[in-house]
Amino acid sequence: MLIPILILDIALVAWSLHLMQQAFDSREFSLMLAGTLVALAAAAMMVVYFLVHNCLAYFAHIPS
């Protein structure tokens, strides 16, 4: 499950860098904001994945 999430995360980061490059070239603040938000979404997706994975691993080892 980690591999598809990593591929999606890398694609989001690449898109974010593309947006930021366009923003720098055309001096657009809105594109820079969009690139920053996409990068934050990619980081948040990885944080949530690891938190949920650790939480589920913890619950799987609790004796009933």
PDB file of N, CA and C in Angstrom:
ATOM      1  N   MET A   1       0.819  -1.198   0.000  1.00  0.00           N
ATOM      2  CA  MET A   1       0.000   0.000   0.000  1.00  0.00           C
ATOM      3  C   MET A   1       0.862   1.262   0.000  1.00  0.00           C
ATOM      4  N   LEU A   2       2.083   1.130   0.507  1.00  0.00           N
ATOM      5  CA  LEU A   2       2.952   2.299   0.587  1.00  0.00           C
ATOM      6  C   LEU A   2       3.417   2.760  -0.792  1.00  0.00           C
ATOM      7  N   ILE A   3       3.665   1.843  -1.707  1.00  0.00           N
ATOM      8  CA  ILE A   3       4.196   2.201  -3.024  1.00  0.00           C
ATOM      9  C   ILE A   3       3.236   3.111  -3.809  1.00  0.00           C
ATOM     10  N   PRO A   4       1.933   2.792  -3.922  1.00  0.00           N
ATOM     11  CA  PRO A   4       1.037   3.717  -4.636  1.00  0.00           C
ATOM     12  C   PRO A   4       0.953   5.093  -3.973  1.00  0.00           C
ATOM     13  N   ILE A   5       0.994   5.127  -2.653  1.00  0.00           N
ATOM     14  CA  ILE A   5       0.936   6.413  -1.952  1.00  0.00           C
ATOM     15  C   ILE A   5       2.210   7.207  -2.213  1.00  0.00           C
ATOM     16  N   LEU A   6       3.358   6.539  -2.234  1.00  0.00           N
ATOM     17  CA  LEU A   6       4.607   7.239  -2.529  1.00  0.00           C
ATOM     18  C   LEU A   6       4.621   7.771  -3.957  1.00  0.00           C
ATOM     19  N   ILE A   7       4.106   6.992  -4.899  1.00  0.00           N
ATOM     20  CA  ILE A   7       4.043   7.449  -6.291  1.00  0.00           C
ATOM     21  C   ILE A   7       3.137   8.673  -6.402  1.00  0.00           C
ATOM     22  N   LEU A   8       1.983   8.630  -5.760  1.00  0.00           N
ATOM     23  CA  LEU A   8       1.079   9.778  -5.766  1.00  0.00           C
ATOM     24  C   LEU A   8       1.720  10.992  -5.097  1.00  0.00           C
ATOM     25  N   ASP A   9       2.435  10.759  -4.016  1.00  0.00           N
ATOM     26  CA  ASP A   9       3.095  11.840  -3.298  1.00  0.00           C
ATOM     27  C   ASP A   9       4.192  12.482  -4.148  1.00  0.00           C
ATOM     28  N   ILE A  10       4.961  11.676  -4.849  1.00  0.00           N
ATOM     29  CA  ILE A  10       6.003  12.202  -5.734  1.00  0.00           C
ATOM     30  C   ILE A  10       5.383  12.996  -6.882  1.00  0.00           C
ATOM     31  N   ALA A  11       4.262  12.504  -7.395  1.00  0.00           N
ATOM     32  CA  ALA A  11       3.570  13.237  -8.461  1.00  0.00           C
ATOM     33  C   ALA A  11       3.060  14.587  -7.952  1.00  0.00           C
ATOM     34  N   LEU A  12       2.544  14.624  -6.731  1.00  0.00           N
ATOM     35  CA  LEU A  12       2.073  15.897  -6.157  1.00  0.00           C
ATOM     36  C   LEU A  12       3.224  16.881  -5.953  1.00  0.00           C
ATOM     37  N   VAL A  13       4.362  16.384  -5.501  1.00  0.00           N
ATOM     38  CA  VAL A  13       5.515  17.261  -5.301  1.00  0.00           C
ATOM     39  C   VAL A  13       6.012  17.791  -6.648  1.00  0.00           C
ATOM     40  N   ALA A  14       6.039  16.931  -7.668  1.00  0.00           N
ATOM     41  CA  ALA A  14       6.470  17.381  -8.999  1.00  0.00           C
ATOM     42  C   ALA A  14       5.511  18.442  -9.536  1.00  0.00           C
ATOM     43  N   TRP A  15       4.220  18.233  -9.352  1.00  0.00           N
ATOM     44  CA  TRP A  15       3.230  19.218  -9.796  1.00  0.00           C
ATOM     45  C   TRP A  15       3.404  20.534  -9.033  1.00  0.00           C
ATOM     46  N   SER A  16       3.677  20.423  -7.737  1.00  0.00           N
ATOM     47  CA  SER A  16       3.901  21.610  -6.923  1.00  0.00           C
ATOM     48  C   SER A  16       5.104  22.404  -7.427  1.00  0.00           C
ATOM     49  N   LEU A  17       6.194  21.706  -7.733  1.00  0.00           N
ATOM     50  CA  LEU A  17       7.374  22.396  -8.250  1.00  0.00           C
ATOM     51  C   LEU A  17       7.100  23.036  -9.613  1.00  0.00           C
ATOM     52  N   HIS A  18       6.307  22.368 -10.437  1.00  0.00           N
ATOM     53  CA  HIS A  18       5.932  22.928 -11.733  1.00  0.00           C
ATOM     54  C   HIS A  18       5.106  24.208 -11.556  1.00  0.00           C
ATOM     55  N   LEU A  19       4.161  24.180 -10.641  1.00  0.00           N
ATOM     56  CA  LEU A  19       3.350  25.372 -10.362  1.00  0.00           C
ATOM     57  C   LEU A  19       4.210  26.518  -9.846  1.00  0.00           C
ATOM     58  N   MET A  20       5.145  26.198  -8.967  1.00  0.00           N
ATOM     59  CA  MET A  20       5.997  27.249  -8.416  1.00  0.00           C
ATOM     60  C   MET A  20       6.932  27.822  -9.477  1.00  0.00           C
ATOM     61  N   GLN A  21       7.397  26.988 -10.400  1.00  0.00           N
ATOM     62  CA  GLN A  21       8.237  27.501 -11.490  1.00  0.00           C
ATOM     63  C   GLN A  21       7.428  28.433 -12.397  1.00  0.00           C
ATOM     64  N   GLN A  22       6.186  28.036 -12.698  1.00  0.00           N
ATOM     65  CA  GLN A  22       5.324  28.919 -13.495  1.00  0.00           C
ATOM     66  C   GLN A  22       5.056  30.235 -12.755  1.00  0.00           C
ATOM     67  N   ALA A  23       4.868  30.143 -11.450  1.00  0.00           N
ATOM     68  CA  ALA A  23       4.620  31.356 -10.663  1.00  0.00           C
ATOM     69  C   ALA A  23       5.830  32.271 -10.689  1.00  0.00           C
ATOM     70  N   PHE A  24       7.012  31.703 -10.595  1.00  0.00           N
ATOM     71  CA  PHE A  24       8.225  32.522 -10.624  1.00  0.00           C
ATOM     72  C   PHE A  24       8.419  33.172 -11.994  1.00  0.00           C
ATOM     73  N   ASP A  25       8.131  32.419 -13.050  1.00  0.00           N
ATOM     74  CA  ASP A  25       8.302  32.955 -14.403  1.00  0.00           C
ATOM     75  C   ASP A  25       7.308  34.073 -14.714  1.00  0.00           C
ATOM     76  N   SER A  26       6.075  33.926 -14.281  1.00  0.00           N
ATOM     77  CA  SER A  26       5.046  34.913 -14.628  1.00  0.00           C
ATOM     78  C   SER A  26       4.725  35.878 -13.490  1.00  0.00           C
ATOM     79  N   ARG A  27       5.444  35.771 -12.366  1.00  0.00           N
ATOM     80  CA  ARG A  27       5.240  36.665 -11.214  1.00  0.00           C
ATOM     81  C   ARG A  27       3.796  36.625 -10.719  1.00  0.00           C
ATOM     82  N   GLU A  28       3.251  35.436 -10.593  1.00  0.00           N
ATOM     83  CA  GLU A  28       1.863  35.250 -10.128  1.00  0.00           C
ATOM     84  C   GLU A  28       1.875  34.727  -8.688  1.00  0.00           C
ATOM     85  N   PHE A  29       1.239  35.458  -7.814  1.00  0.00           N
ATOM     86  CA  PHE A  29       1.166  35.023  -6.424  1.00  0.00           C
ATOM     87  C   PHE A  29       0.219  33.834  -6.262  1.00  0.00           C
ATOM     88  N   SER A  30      -0.848  33.798  -7.039  1.00  0.00           N
ATOM     89  CA  SER A  30      -1.839  32.735  -6.884  1.00  0.00           C
ATOM     90  C   SER A  30      -1.253  31.368  -7.246  1.00  0.00           C
ATOM     91  N   LEU A  31      -0.385  31.312  -8.253  1.00  0.00           N
ATOM     92  CA  LEU A  31       0.257  30.044  -8.603  1.00  0.00           C
ATOM     93  C   LEU A  31       1.239  29.606  -7.523  1.00  0.00           C
ATOM     94  N   MET A  32       1.923  30.562  -6.919  1.00  0.00           N
ATOM     95  CA  MET A  32       2.840  30.226  -5.821  1.00  0.00           C
ATOM     96  C   MET A  32       2.055  29.687  -4.634  1.00  0.00           C
ATOM     97  N   LEU A  33       0.920  30.286  -4.352  1.00  0.00           N
ATOM     98  CA  LEU A  33       0.064  29.804  -3.270  1.00  0.00           C
ATOM     99  C   LEU A  33      -0.456  28.409  -3.584  1.00  0.00           C
ATOM    100  N   ALA A  34      -0.861  28.179  -4.825  1.00  0.00           N
ATOM    101  CA  ALA A  34      -1.354  26.856  -5.217  1.00  0.00           C
ATOM    102  C   ALA A  34      -0.246  25.816  -5.088  1.00  0.00           C
ATOM    103  N   GLY A  35       0.959  26.146  -5.514  1.00  0.00           N
ATOM    104  CA  GLY A  35       2.077  25.213  -5.384  1.00  0.00           C
ATOM    105  C   GLY A  35       2.385  24.891  -3.934  1.00  0.00           C
ATOM    106  N   THR A  36       2.324  25.898  -3.085  1.00  0.00           N
ATOM    107  CA  THR A  36       2.562  25.677  -1.655  1.00  0.00           C
ATOM    108  C   THR A  36       1.483  24.786  -1.052  1.00  0.00           C
ATOM    109  N   LEU A  37       0.244  25.016  -1.425  1.00  0.00           N
ATOM    110  CA  LEU A  37      -0.853  24.197  -0.893  1.00  0.00           C
ATOM    111  C   LEU A  37      -0.748  22.741  -1.369  1.00  0.00           C
ATOM    112  N   VAL A  38      -0.337  22.535  -2.608  1.00  0.00           N
ATOM    113  CA  VAL A  38      -0.170  21.168  -3.115  1.00  0.00           C
ATOM    114  C   VAL A  38       0.973  20.478  -2.368  1.00  0.00           C
ATOM    115  N   ALA A  39       2.070  21.187  -2.118  1.00  0.00           N
ATOM    116  CA  ALA A  39       3.182  20.601  -1.372  1.00  0.00           C
ATOM    117  C   ALA A  39       2.769  20.267   0.062  1.00  0.00           C
ATOM    118  N   LEU A  40       1.988  21.139   0.685  1.00  0.00           N
ATOM    119  CA  LEU A  40       1.496  20.857   2.042  1.00  0.00           C
ATOM    120  C   LEU A  40       0.547  19.658   2.057  1.00  0.00           C
ATOM    121  N   ALA A  41      -0.256  19.523   1.015  1.00  0.00           N
ATOM    122  CA  ALA A  41      -1.157  18.371   0.936  1.00  0.00           C
ATOM    123  C   ALA A  41      -0.365  17.074   0.797  1.00  0.00           C
ATOM    124  N   ALA A  42       0.715  17.097   0.030  1.00  0.00           N
ATOM    125  CA  ALA A  42       1.549  15.911  -0.121  1.00  0.00           C
ATOM    126  C   ALA A  42       2.191  15.533   1.218  1.00  0.00           C
ATOM    127  N   ALA A  43       2.696  16.527   1.938  1.00  0.00           N
ATOM    128  CA  ALA A  43       3.302  16.255   3.240  1.00  0.00           C
ATOM    129  C   ALA A  43       2.263  15.745   4.240  1.00  0.00           C
ATOM    130  N   ALA A  44       1.089  16.339   4.234  1.00  0.00           N
ATOM    131  CA  ALA A  44       0.035  15.912   5.151  1.00  0.00           C
ATOM    132  C   ALA A  44      -0.425  14.489   4.850  1.00  0.00           C
ATOM    133  N   MET A  45      -0.450  14.129   3.571  1.00  0.00           N
ATOM    134  CA  MET A  45      -0.853  12.776   3.210  1.00  0.00           C
ATOM    135  C   MET A  45       0.126  11.750   3.775  1.00  0.00           C
ATOM    136  N   MET A  46       1.425  12.048   3.734  1.00  0.00           N
ATOM    137  CA  MET A  46       2.413  11.123   4.284  1.00  0.00           C
ATOM    138  C   MET A  46       2.315  11.044   5.807  1.00  0.00           C
ATOM    139  N   VAL A  47       2.084  12.184   6.461  1.00  0.00           N
ATOM    140  CA  VAL A  47       1.936  12.184   7.923  1.00  0.00           C
ATOM    141  C   VAL A  47       0.738  11.348   8.337  1.00  0.00           C
ATOM    142  N   VAL A  48      -0.387  11.530   7.668  1.00  0.00           N
ATOM    143  CA  VAL A  48      -1.596  10.770   7.995  1.00  0.00           C
ATOM    144  C   VAL A  48      -1.379   9.285   7.740  1.00  0.00           C
ATOM    145  N   TYR A  49      -0.696   8.934   6.645  1.00  0.00           N
ATOM    146  CA  TYR A  49      -0.430   7.526   6.358  1.00  0.00           C
ATOM    147  C   TYR A  49       0.354   6.881   7.500  1.00  0.00           C
ATOM    148  N   PHE A  50       1.437   7.525   7.946  1.00  0.00           N
ATOM    149  CA  PHE A  50       2.257   6.935   8.993  1.00  0.00           C
ATOM    150  C   PHE A  50       1.541   6.907  10.336  1.00  0.00           C
ATOM    151  N   LEU A  51       0.735   7.916  10.633  1.00  0.00           N
ATOM    152  CA  LEU A  51      -0.029   7.898  11.884  1.00  0.00           C
ATOM    153  C   LEU A  51      -1.053   6.767  11.891  1.00  0.00           C
ATOM    154  N   VAL A  52      -1.778   6.607  10.811  1.00  0.00           N
ATOM    155  CA  VAL A  52      -2.788   5.547  10.730  1.00  0.00           C
ATOM    156  C   VAL A  52      -2.120   4.178  10.742  1.00  0.00           C
ATOM    157  N   HIS A  53      -1.007   4.037  10.038  1.00  0.00           N
ATOM    158  CA  HIS A  53      -0.296   2.755  10.007  1.00  0.00           C
ATOM    159  C   HIS A  53       0.170   2.368  11.417  1.00  0.00           C
ATOM    160  N   ASN A  54       0.759   3.315  12.150  1.00  0.00           N
ATOM    161  CA  ASN A  54       1.219   3.016  13.512  1.00  0.00           C
ATOM    162  C   ASN A  54       0.049   2.731  14.447  1.00  0.00           C
ATOM    163  N   CYS A  55      -1.047   3.455  14.271  1.00  0.00           N
ATOM    164  CA  CYS A  55      -2.209   3.238  15.125  1.00  0.00           C
ATOM    165  C   CYS A  55      -2.814   1.856  14.872  1.00  0.00           C
ATOM    166  N   LEU A  56      -2.959   1.464  13.623  1.00  0.00           N
ATOM    167  CA  LEU A  56      -3.510   0.156  13.305  1.00  0.00           C
ATOM    168  C   LEU A  56      -2.580  -0.963  13.747  1.00  0.00           C
ATOM    169  N   ALA A  57      -1.274  -0.762  13.630  1.00  0.00           N
ATOM    170  CA  ALA A  57      -0.318  -1.761  14.112  1.00  0.00           C
ATOM    171  C   ALA A  57      -0.418  -1.904  15.630  1.00  0.00           C
ATOM    172  N   TYR A  58      -0.612  -0.815  16.331  1.00  0.00           N
ATOM    173  CA  TYR A  58      -0.760  -0.856  17.788  1.00  0.00           C
ATOM    174  C   TYR A  58      -2.040  -1.608  18.171  1.00  0.00           C
ATOM    175  N   PHE A  59      -3.155  -1.311  17.497  1.00  0.00           N
ATOM    176  CA  PHE A  59      -4.414  -1.986  17.823  1.00  0.00           C
ATOM    177  C   PHE A  59      -4.394  -3.451  17.440  1.00  0.00           C
ATOM    178  N   ALA A  60      -3.622  -3.825  16.455  1.00  0.00           N
ATOM    179  CA  ALA A  60      -3.556  -5.221  16.050  1.00  0.00           C
ATOM    180  C   ALA A  60      -2.836  -6.086  17.087  1.00  0.00           C
ATOM    181  N   HIS A  61      -2.005  -5.488  17.914  1.00  0.00           N
ATOM    182  CA  HIS A  61      -1.230  -6.251  18.900  1.00  0.00           C
ATOM    183  C   HIS A  61      -1.795  -6.168  20.296  1.00  0.00           C
ATOM    184  N   ILE A  62      -2.941  -5.559  20.488  1.00  0.00           N
ATOM    185  CA  ILE A  62      -3.577  -5.508  21.813  1.00  0.00           C
ATOM    186  C   ILE A  62      -4.297  -6.824  22.046  1.00  0.00           C
ATOM    187  N   PRO A  63      -3.983  -7.499  23.141  1.00  0.00           N
ATOM    188  CA  PRO A  63      -4.699  -8.760  23.424  1.00  0.00           C
ATOM    189  C   PRO A  63      -6.149  -8.498  23.806  1.00  0.00           C
ATOM    190  N   SER A  64      -7.040  -9.379  23.391  1.00  0.00           N
ATOM    191  CA  SER A  64      -8.465  -9.204  23.666  1.00  0.00           C
ATOM    192  C   SER A  64      -8.838  -9.804  24.991  1.00  0.00           C
TER     193      SER A  64
END
